[in-house]
Amino acid sequence: MCIRDRYKFTETKSGRHSRATPLKKIGIAAGSRSDASKALSGAEHGQAIAEGMSLAKDLGNLPPNICTPAYLARTAQKIGREHKNVTTRILGEAEIKRLGMHSFLSVTAGTTLPAKLILMQYKGAGRDKPIVLVGKGITFDAGGISLKPGPGMDEMKFDMCGAASVIATMSVIAKLKLPVNLNVVVPACENLPSGTATRPGDIIKSMSGKTIEVLNTDAEGRLVLCDALTYSKRFKPEVIIDVATLTGACVIALGHHRTAVMSPNDKLAGEITSAGIAADDRGWHMPIAEEYENQLKSNFADFANVGGRDGGAVTAACFLSKFADGMNWAHLDIAGTAWRSGGAKGSTGRPVPMLSEFVLQRARAIP
């Protein structure tokens, strides 16, 4: 049986529940000592990735009254305590405000739960430039004033799966002690309607200084990610990848089978999609181009936060690209792959395998 299929979520159920029979021993056949060493290394990688997927699934499956921004922060801190090679720092709203992250704070304006900026750092390669993973951490997304329809709104607890996947990937890399530097940045908050919530038509100022006309408060993921991307520039990253359940348009484009991979750097996009193929966690390279950016024009601000229905997944990526200038950057839209609906409802743990494989290849740690 595949390790992925053995996962069960019972944390919020009462009473006793049967658990999958634990595997006590696994045998690996190899033709030589060299092959045996490679096989053992591969098994260790696989176990770490499976455990990372389970962590991402647990975080996604928890209800939003438990998995709050503070809960995500405590999870990151726990990983820091478990692995001496990981440093975790949590910034509160006062510090976020001092940084000028008003775009991020505009999303959390309607809720009483305080936002958190989660920062994790793993050092395994001296002074090498780090890989930076940025994960969208909207622990519940009601849409704000642009309220979502009621049916299916419960699934908006999964809107933090980008955050779950990058935190889980950090745990994978830390367990494997890879020779690479990795930073994780997670802007975590809720998006709820109230008398203090951001309104359609409001104009906000991002950390970069660029102004944004908010036409739809339900296009909030890009508003937290843009400030996180700006913040991440201080790390002078070798490569930066943001991961987000960003657009319903991505689900229309690719269904629930492949993660959208978007980057102005075709080589980087190819590297990520190749990692996905190797990890059986597939993506698909989608475009970013100037003609899509034109849909974000605003009469009142530097640009708007939405560009209409046409090409919605691409225009969302184009919005983010305005804050990633000068960086080797890619965007993963996991709206169609992060969870399942219906009778099999639950988090998938994707794209932890894709991200882990990407970092493994960058660290040249593939056996």
Protein backbone atom coordinates (compact mmCIF):
# COMPACT_ATOMS: atom_id res chain seq x y z
CA MET A 1 0.00 0.00 0.00
CA CYS A 2 1.27 3.49 -0.84
CA ILE A 3 2.27 5.52 2.23
CA ARG A 4 0.07 8.39 1.04
CA ASP A 5 -2.99 6.12 1.14
CA ARG A 6 -2.40 5.24 4.80
CA TYR A 7 -3.15 8.77 5.98
CA LYS A 8 -6.17 9.26 8.22
CA PHE A 9 -7.37 12.43 9.94
CA THR A 10 -9.12 11.72 13.24
CA GLU A 11 -7.90 14.58 15.41
CA THR A 12 -11.28 16.32 15.69
CA LYS A 13 -13.41 13.16 16.05
CA SER A 14 -14.55 11.84 19.41
CA GLY A 15 -14.11 8.28 20.65
CA ARG A 16 -11.67 5.64 19.54
CA HIS A 17 -10.75 5.22 15.91
CA SER A 18 -8.91 2.44 14.19
CA ARG A 19 -5.48 3.38 12.99
CA ALA A 20 -3.64 1.99 10.02
CA THR A 21 -1.44 -0.95 10.96
CA PRO A 22 2.07 0.46 11.32
CA LEU A 23 4.81 -0.83 9.06
CA LYS A 24 7.42 -2.50 11.26
CA LYS A 25 9.93 -3.39 8.58
CA ILE A 26 10.60 -2.57 4.94
CA GLY A 27 12.94 -4.59 2.75
CA ILE A 28 14.91 -3.05 -0.12
CA ALA A 29 16.55 -5.29 -2.71
CA ALA A 30 19.71 -3.96 -4.38
CA GLY A 31 22.24 -5.50 -6.76
CA SER A 32 25.33 -3.97 -5.14
CA ARG A 33 26.51 -1.99 -2.14
CA SER A 34 26.50 1.15 -4.25
CA ASP A 35 22.91 0.51 -5.32
CA ALA A 36 21.95 -0.29 -1.72
CA SER A 37 23.36 3.04 -0.54
CA LYS A 38 21.37 4.89 -3.20
CA ALA A 39 18.22 2.94 -2.37
CA LEU A 40 18.58 3.68 1.34
CA SER A 41 19.09 7.38 0.63
CA GLY A 42 16.03 7.38 -1.63
CA ALA A 43 13.97 5.66 1.08
CA GLU A 44 15.03 8.29 3.61
CA HIS A 45 14.00 11.03 1.19
CA GLY A 46 10.67 9.34 0.58
CA GLN A 47 9.94 8.96 4.28
CA ALA A 48 10.74 12.62 5.01
CA ILE A 49 8.53 13.77 2.13
CA ALA A 50 5.66 11.49 3.23
CA GLU A 51 5.91 12.89 6.76
CA GLY A 52 5.94 16.41 5.33
CA MET A 53 2.82 15.66 3.31
CA SER A 54 1.10 14.36 6.44
CA LEU A 55 1.94 17.60 8.27
CA ALA A 56 0.58 19.67 5.38
CA LYS A 57 -2.58 17.54 5.31
CA ASP A 58 -3.09 17.87 9.06
CA LEU A 59 -2.79 21.66 8.90
CA GLY A 60 -5.17 21.86 5.94
CA ASN A 61 -7.74 19.52 7.46
CA LEU A 62 -7.93 21.27 10.82
CA PRO A 63 -10.96 23.58 11.18
CA PRO A 64 -10.40 27.34 11.06
CA ASN A 65 -11.33 27.78 14.72
CA ILE A 66 -8.25 25.66 15.56
CA CYS A 67 -5.84 26.35 12.71
CA THR A 68 -5.64 30.12 13.18
CA PRO A 69 -2.71 32.38 12.23
CA ALA A 70 -1.38 31.88 15.76
CA TYR A 71 -1.65 28.08 15.38
CA LEU A 72 0.36 28.19 12.15
CA ALA A 73 2.95 30.29 13.97
CA ARG A 74 3.16 27.78 16.83
CA THR A 75 3.59 24.94 14.33
CA ALA A 76 6.52 26.76 12.73
CA GLN A 77 8.03 27.40 16.16
CA LYS A 78 7.68 23.70 17.03
CA ILE A 79 9.68 22.77 13.90
CA GLY A 80 12.32 25.25 15.03
CA ARG A 81 12.52 23.55 18.42
CA GLU A 82 12.71 20.07 16.88
CA HIS A 83 15.49 20.97 14.43
CA LYS A 84 18.49 22.94 15.68
CA ASN A 85 19.27 23.93 12.08
CA VAL A 86 15.96 25.86 11.79
CA THR A 87 15.41 29.34 13.22
CA THR A 88 11.82 30.61 13.50
CA ARG A 89 10.72 34.17 14.11
CA ILE A 90 7.13 35.45 14.36
CA LEU A 91 6.16 39.08 13.72
CA GLY A 92 2.93 40.52 15.13
CA GLU A 93 0.72 43.23 13.67
CA ALA A 94 2.64 46.12 15.25
CA GLU A 95 5.87 44.94 13.61
CA ILE A 96 4.07 44.22 10.33
CA LYS A 97 2.71 47.77 10.35
CA ARG A 98 6.15 49.25 11.06
CA LEU A 99 7.43 47.40 7.97
CA GLY A 100 4.81 49.21 5.87
CA MET A 101 2.91 46.05 4.95
CA HIS A 102 -0.41 47.86 4.57
CA SER A 103 -1.54 45.61 1.73
CA PHE A 104 -1.19 42.57 4.01
CA LEU A 105 -2.94 44.35 6.88
CA SER A 106 -5.82 45.45 4.63
CA VAL A 107 -6.86 41.81 4.35
CA THR A 108 -6.96 41.20 8.08
CA ALA A 109 -8.82 44.46 8.85
CA GLY A 110 -12.19 42.71 9.19
CA THR A 111 -11.26 40.07 11.79
CA THR A 112 -10.39 40.17 15.46
CA LEU A 113 -7.70 37.48 15.14
CA PRO A 114 -4.27 39.13 14.79
CA ALA A 115 -2.20 38.50 11.68
CA LYS A 116 1.21 36.84 11.90
CA LEU A 117 4.25 37.02 9.64
CA ILE A 118 6.04 33.68 9.99
CA LEU A 119 9.75 33.61 9.15
CA MET A 120 11.76 30.36 9.07
CA GLN A 121 15.41 29.98 8.15
CA TYR A 122 17.44 26.83 7.53
CA LYS A 123 21.20 27.14 6.98
CA GLY A 124 22.96 24.16 5.45
CA ALA A 125 25.22 25.79 2.89
CA GLY A 126 27.22 28.55 4.51
CA ARG A 127 26.90 31.88 2.75
CA ASP A 128 25.16 30.59 -0.37
CA LYS A 129 22.13 32.57 -1.48
CA PRO A 130 18.95 30.95 -0.16
CA ILE A 131 15.93 29.45 -1.85
CA VAL A 132 12.90 31.33 -0.52
CA LEU A 133 9.43 29.78 -0.36
CA VAL A 134 6.49 32.11 0.28
CA GLY A 135 3.18 30.53 1.27
CA LYS A 136 -0.27 32.11 1.34
CA GLY A 137 -1.67 31.62 4.85
CA ILE A 138 -5.32 32.70 4.76
CA THR A 139 -6.65 30.46 7.53
CA PHE A 140 -10.24 31.22 6.52
CA ASP A 141 -11.43 33.18 3.51
CA ALA A 142 -15.02 34.39 3.55
CA GLY A 143 -14.18 36.84 0.78
CA GLY A 144 -14.42 39.94 2.97
CA ILE A 145 -16.99 42.50 1.83
CA SER A 146 -17.03 40.71 -1.56
CA LEU A 147 -18.63 37.80 0.29
CA LYS A 148 -18.36 34.31 -1.17
CA PRO A 149 -21.49 32.20 -1.80
CA GLY A 150 -22.53 30.04 1.16
CA PRO A 151 -22.33 26.58 -0.47
CA GLY A 152 -18.82 25.22 -0.19
CA MET A 153 -17.57 28.09 1.95
CA ASP A 154 -16.45 25.58 4.58
CA GLU A 155 -13.70 24.55 2.16
CA MET A 156 -12.15 27.98 2.52
CA LYS A 157 -10.32 26.58 5.57
CA PHE A 158 -8.03 25.13 2.88
CA ASP A 159 -6.98 28.63 1.77
CA MET A 160 -3.86 28.27 3.93
CA CYS A 161 -2.59 25.20 2.07
CA GLY A 162 0.16 27.25 0.45
CA ALA A 163 1.44 28.10 3.92
CA ALA A 164 1.04 24.48 5.05
CA SER A 165 3.06 23.22 2.07
CA VAL A 166 6.03 25.57 2.54
CA ILE A 167 6.16 24.99 6.32
CA ALA A 168 6.01 21.23 5.66
CA THR A 169 8.73 21.49 3.02
CA MET A 170 10.94 23.21 5.57
CA SER A 171 10.42 20.23 7.90
CA VAL A 172 11.44 17.86 5.07
CA ILE A 173 14.65 19.74 4.30
CA ALA A 174 15.54 20.06 7.98
CA LYS A 175 15.08 16.31 8.56
CA LEU A 176 17.28 15.49 5.58
CA LYS A 177 19.90 18.08 6.62
CA LEU A 178 20.44 19.08 3.02
CA PRO A 179 23.42 21.24 1.96
CA VAL A 180 21.26 24.19 0.98
CA ASN A 181 19.97 27.44 2.51
CA LEU A 182 16.19 27.71 2.69
CA ASN A 183 13.96 30.52 3.97
CA VAL A 184 10.19 30.33 4.41
CA VAL A 185 7.92 33.39 4.60
CA VAL A 186 4.24 33.03 5.51
CA PRO A 187 1.80 35.95 5.78
CA ALA A 188 -1.02 34.45 7.87
CA CYS A 189 -4.41 36.00 8.58
CA GLU A 190 -8.18 35.66 8.08
CA ASN A 191 -10.34 37.45 5.50
CA LEU A 192 -13.74 38.26 7.02
CA PRO A 193 -16.43 40.96 6.52
CA SER A 194 -17.13 43.50 9.23
CA GLY A 195 -17.52 47.23 9.77
CA THR A 196 -13.75 47.62 9.77
CA ALA A 197 -13.08 45.46 6.70
CA THR A 198 -11.45 46.81 3.54
CA ARG A 199 -14.05 47.86 0.94
CA PRO A 200 -14.14 47.53 -2.85
CA GLY A 201 -12.87 50.86 -4.12
CA ASP A 202 -10.38 51.38 -1.29
CA ILE A 203 -6.82 52.22 -2.32
CA ILE A 204 -4.01 50.75 -0.25
CA LYS A 205 -0.26 51.21 -0.19
CA SER A 206 1.97 48.14 -0.33
CA MET A 207 5.34 47.69 1.37
CA SER A 208 6.97 48.39 -2.00
CA GLY A 209 5.32 51.83 -2.13
CA LYS A 210 3.08 50.85 -5.05
CA THR A 211 -0.61 51.67 -4.63
CA ILE A 212 -3.40 49.18 -5.32
CA GLU A 213 -7.07 49.78 -6.07
CA VAL A 214 -9.05 47.00 -4.40
CA LEU A 215 -11.85 46.12 -6.80
CA ASN A 216 -12.64 42.78 -5.16
CA THR A 217 -11.79 41.96 -1.54
CA ASP A 218 -12.01 38.25 -2.37
CA ALA A 219 -8.82 38.63 -4.42
CA GLU A 220 -6.96 38.86 -1.12
CA GLY A 221 -4.22 36.27 -1.53
CA ARG A 222 -2.25 38.49 -3.87
CA LEU A 223 -2.56 41.36 -1.38
CA VAL A 224 -0.77 39.41 1.36
CA LEU A 225 1.72 37.79 -1.01
CA CYS A 226 2.83 41.04 -2.62
CA ASP A 227 4.13 42.39 0.70
CA ALA A 228 5.70 39.02 1.53
CA LEU A 229 7.52 39.06 -1.82
CA THR A 230 8.79 42.59 -1.16
CA TYR A 231 9.97 41.54 2.29
CA SER A 232 11.74 38.50 0.83
CA LYS A 233 14.00 40.67 -1.31
CA ARG A 234 16.09 41.38 1.78
CA PHE A 235 17.32 37.77 1.70
CA LYS A 236 18.85 38.28 -1.78
CA PRO A 237 17.45 34.88 -2.84
CA GLU A 238 18.91 32.63 -5.49
CA VAL A 239 15.34 31.73 -6.37
CA ILE A 240 11.95 32.58 -4.87
CA ILE A 241 8.74 30.57 -5.28
CA ASP A 242 5.36 31.63 -3.93
CA VAL A 243 2.70 28.97 -3.36
CA ALA A 244 -0.97 29.85 -3.11
CA THR A 245 -4.53 28.63 -3.51
CA LEU A 246 -4.94 31.81 -5.51
CA THR A 247 -7.66 31.63 -8.16
CA GLY A 248 -10.78 29.72 -9.10
CA ALA A 249 -9.75 30.51 -12.68
CA CYS A 250 -6.84 28.10 -12.28
CA VAL A 251 -9.30 25.29 -11.47
CA ILE A 252 -11.23 26.11 -14.64
CA ALA A 253 -8.01 26.03 -16.66
CA LEU A 254 -6.34 22.90 -15.25
CA GLY A 255 -8.96 21.12 -13.15
CA HIS A 256 -7.75 19.28 -10.07
CA HIS A 257 -4.86 17.42 -11.67
CA ARG A 258 -1.98 19.84 -12.21
CA THR A 259 -0.55 22.80 -10.36
CA ALA A 260 -0.13 25.95 -12.44
CA VAL A 261 3.52 27.00 -12.75
CA MET A 262 4.13 30.57 -13.88
CA SER A 263 7.39 32.45 -14.22
CA PRO A 264 8.96 35.00 -16.57
CA ASN A 265 11.98 32.66 -16.50
CA ASP A 266 11.14 29.67 -18.71
CA LYS A 267 14.19 27.78 -17.41
CA LEU A 268 13.01 28.06 -13.81
CA ALA A 269 9.46 27.06 -14.76
CA GLY A 270 10.87 24.02 -16.57
CA GLU A 271 12.98 23.12 -13.55
CA ILE A 272 9.91 23.18 -11.30
CA THR A 273 7.71 21.19 -13.68
CA SER A 274 10.50 18.62 -14.10
CA ALA A 275 10.72 18.27 -10.32
CA GLY A 276 6.96 17.71 -10.28
CA ILE A 277 7.25 14.93 -12.85
CA ALA A 278 10.02 13.24 -10.85
CA ALA A 279 7.93 13.48 -7.66
CA ASP A 280 4.64 12.41 -9.31
CA ASP A 281 3.24 15.82 -8.31
CA ARG A 282 2.72 17.35 -11.71
CA GLY A 283 2.48 20.97 -12.76
CA TRP A 284 1.82 22.79 -16.02
CA HIS A 285 3.69 25.84 -17.33
CA MET A 286 1.27 28.73 -17.95
CA PRO A 287 2.19 32.12 -19.44
CA ILE A 288 2.96 35.53 -18.01
CA ALA A 289 2.97 38.34 -20.59
CA GLU A 290 2.52 42.09 -20.96
CA GLU A 291 -0.82 41.78 -22.75
CA TYR A 292 -2.29 40.22 -19.60
CA GLU A 293 -0.82 42.93 -17.38
CA ASN A 294 -2.82 45.56 -19.27
CA GLN A 295 -5.99 44.14 -17.68
CA LEU A 296 -4.79 45.41 -14.28
CA LYS A 297 -4.81 49.11 -15.25
CA SER A 298 -6.49 51.49 -12.80
CA ASN A 299 -7.58 55.12 -13.17
CA PHE A 300 -6.94 55.80 -9.49
CA ALA A 301 -3.96 53.70 -8.35
CA ASP A 302 -0.82 52.18 -9.82
CA PHE A 303 -2.94 49.13 -10.69
CA ALA A 304 -5.98 47.17 -9.60
CA ASN A 305 -6.01 43.89 -7.69
CA VAL A 306 -8.11 42.09 -10.33
CA GLY A 307 -8.20 42.17 -14.12
CA GLY A 308 -11.57 40.66 -14.99
CA ARG A 309 -12.65 37.09 -15.66
CA ASP A 310 -10.55 36.46 -18.76
CA GLY A 311 -7.27 34.75 -17.92
CA GLY A 312 -7.82 35.28 -14.21
CA ALA A 313 -5.08 32.90 -13.07
CA VAL A 314 -2.56 34.62 -15.35
CA THR A 315 -3.52 38.17 -14.40
CA ALA A 316 -3.15 37.20 -10.73
CA ALA A 317 0.39 36.02 -11.46
CA CYS A 318 1.05 39.22 -13.42
CA PHE A 319 -0.04 41.20 -10.35
CA LEU A 320 2.52 39.33 -8.22
CA SER A 321 5.22 39.78 -10.84
CA LYS A 322 5.09 43.54 -10.20
CA PHE A 323 6.54 42.84 -6.74
CA ALA A 324 9.10 40.24 -7.85
CA ASP A 325 11.08 42.43 -10.23
CA GLY A 326 14.79 41.73 -10.06
CA MET A 327 14.25 38.27 -8.57
CA ASN A 328 14.39 34.81 -10.11
CA TRP A 329 10.75 34.14 -9.27
CA ALA A 330 8.01 31.61 -9.92
CA HIS A 331 4.39 31.36 -8.82
CA LEU A 332 2.52 28.13 -8.11
CA ASP A 333 -1.28 28.31 -8.12
CA ILE A 334 -2.47 25.24 -6.21
CA ALA A 335 -6.19 26.12 -6.07
CA GLY A 336 -7.08 22.95 -7.97
CA THR A 337 -4.61 20.55 -6.37
CA ALA A 338 -4.36 21.46 -2.67
CA TRP A 339 -7.54 19.66 -1.59
CA ARG A 340 -10.34 17.39 -2.74
CA SER A 341 -14.09 17.95 -2.38
CA GLY A 342 -17.01 15.55 -2.06
CA GLY A 343 -16.77 12.19 -0.32
CA ALA A 344 -12.97 12.32 -0.39
CA LYS A 345 -12.88 15.87 1.01
CA GLY A 346 -9.53 16.72 2.51
CA SER A 347 -6.11 18.20 1.98
CA THR A 348 -3.84 16.43 -0.53
CA GLY A 349 -0.49 17.59 0.87
CA ARG A 350 0.47 18.94 -2.54
CA PRO A 351 2.80 20.45 -3.64
CA VAL A 352 5.15 19.25 -0.88
CA PRO A 353 6.62 16.51 -3.13
CA MET A 354 7.22 18.96 -5.99
CA LEU A 355 8.84 21.56 -3.73
CA SER A 356 10.94 18.98 -1.89
CA GLU A 357 12.18 17.46 -5.13
CA PHE A 358 13.04 20.93 -6.43
CA VAL A 359 15.15 21.67 -3.34
CA LEU A 360 16.74 18.20 -3.45
CA GLN A 361 17.80 18.80 -7.05
CA ARG A 362 19.12 22.26 -6.21
CA ALA A 363 21.12 20.73 -3.36
CA ARG A 364 22.37 18.02 -5.74
CA ALA A 365 21.19 15.46 -3.19
CA ILE A 366 19.40 13.05 -5.56
CA PRO A 367 20.92 9.56 -5.12
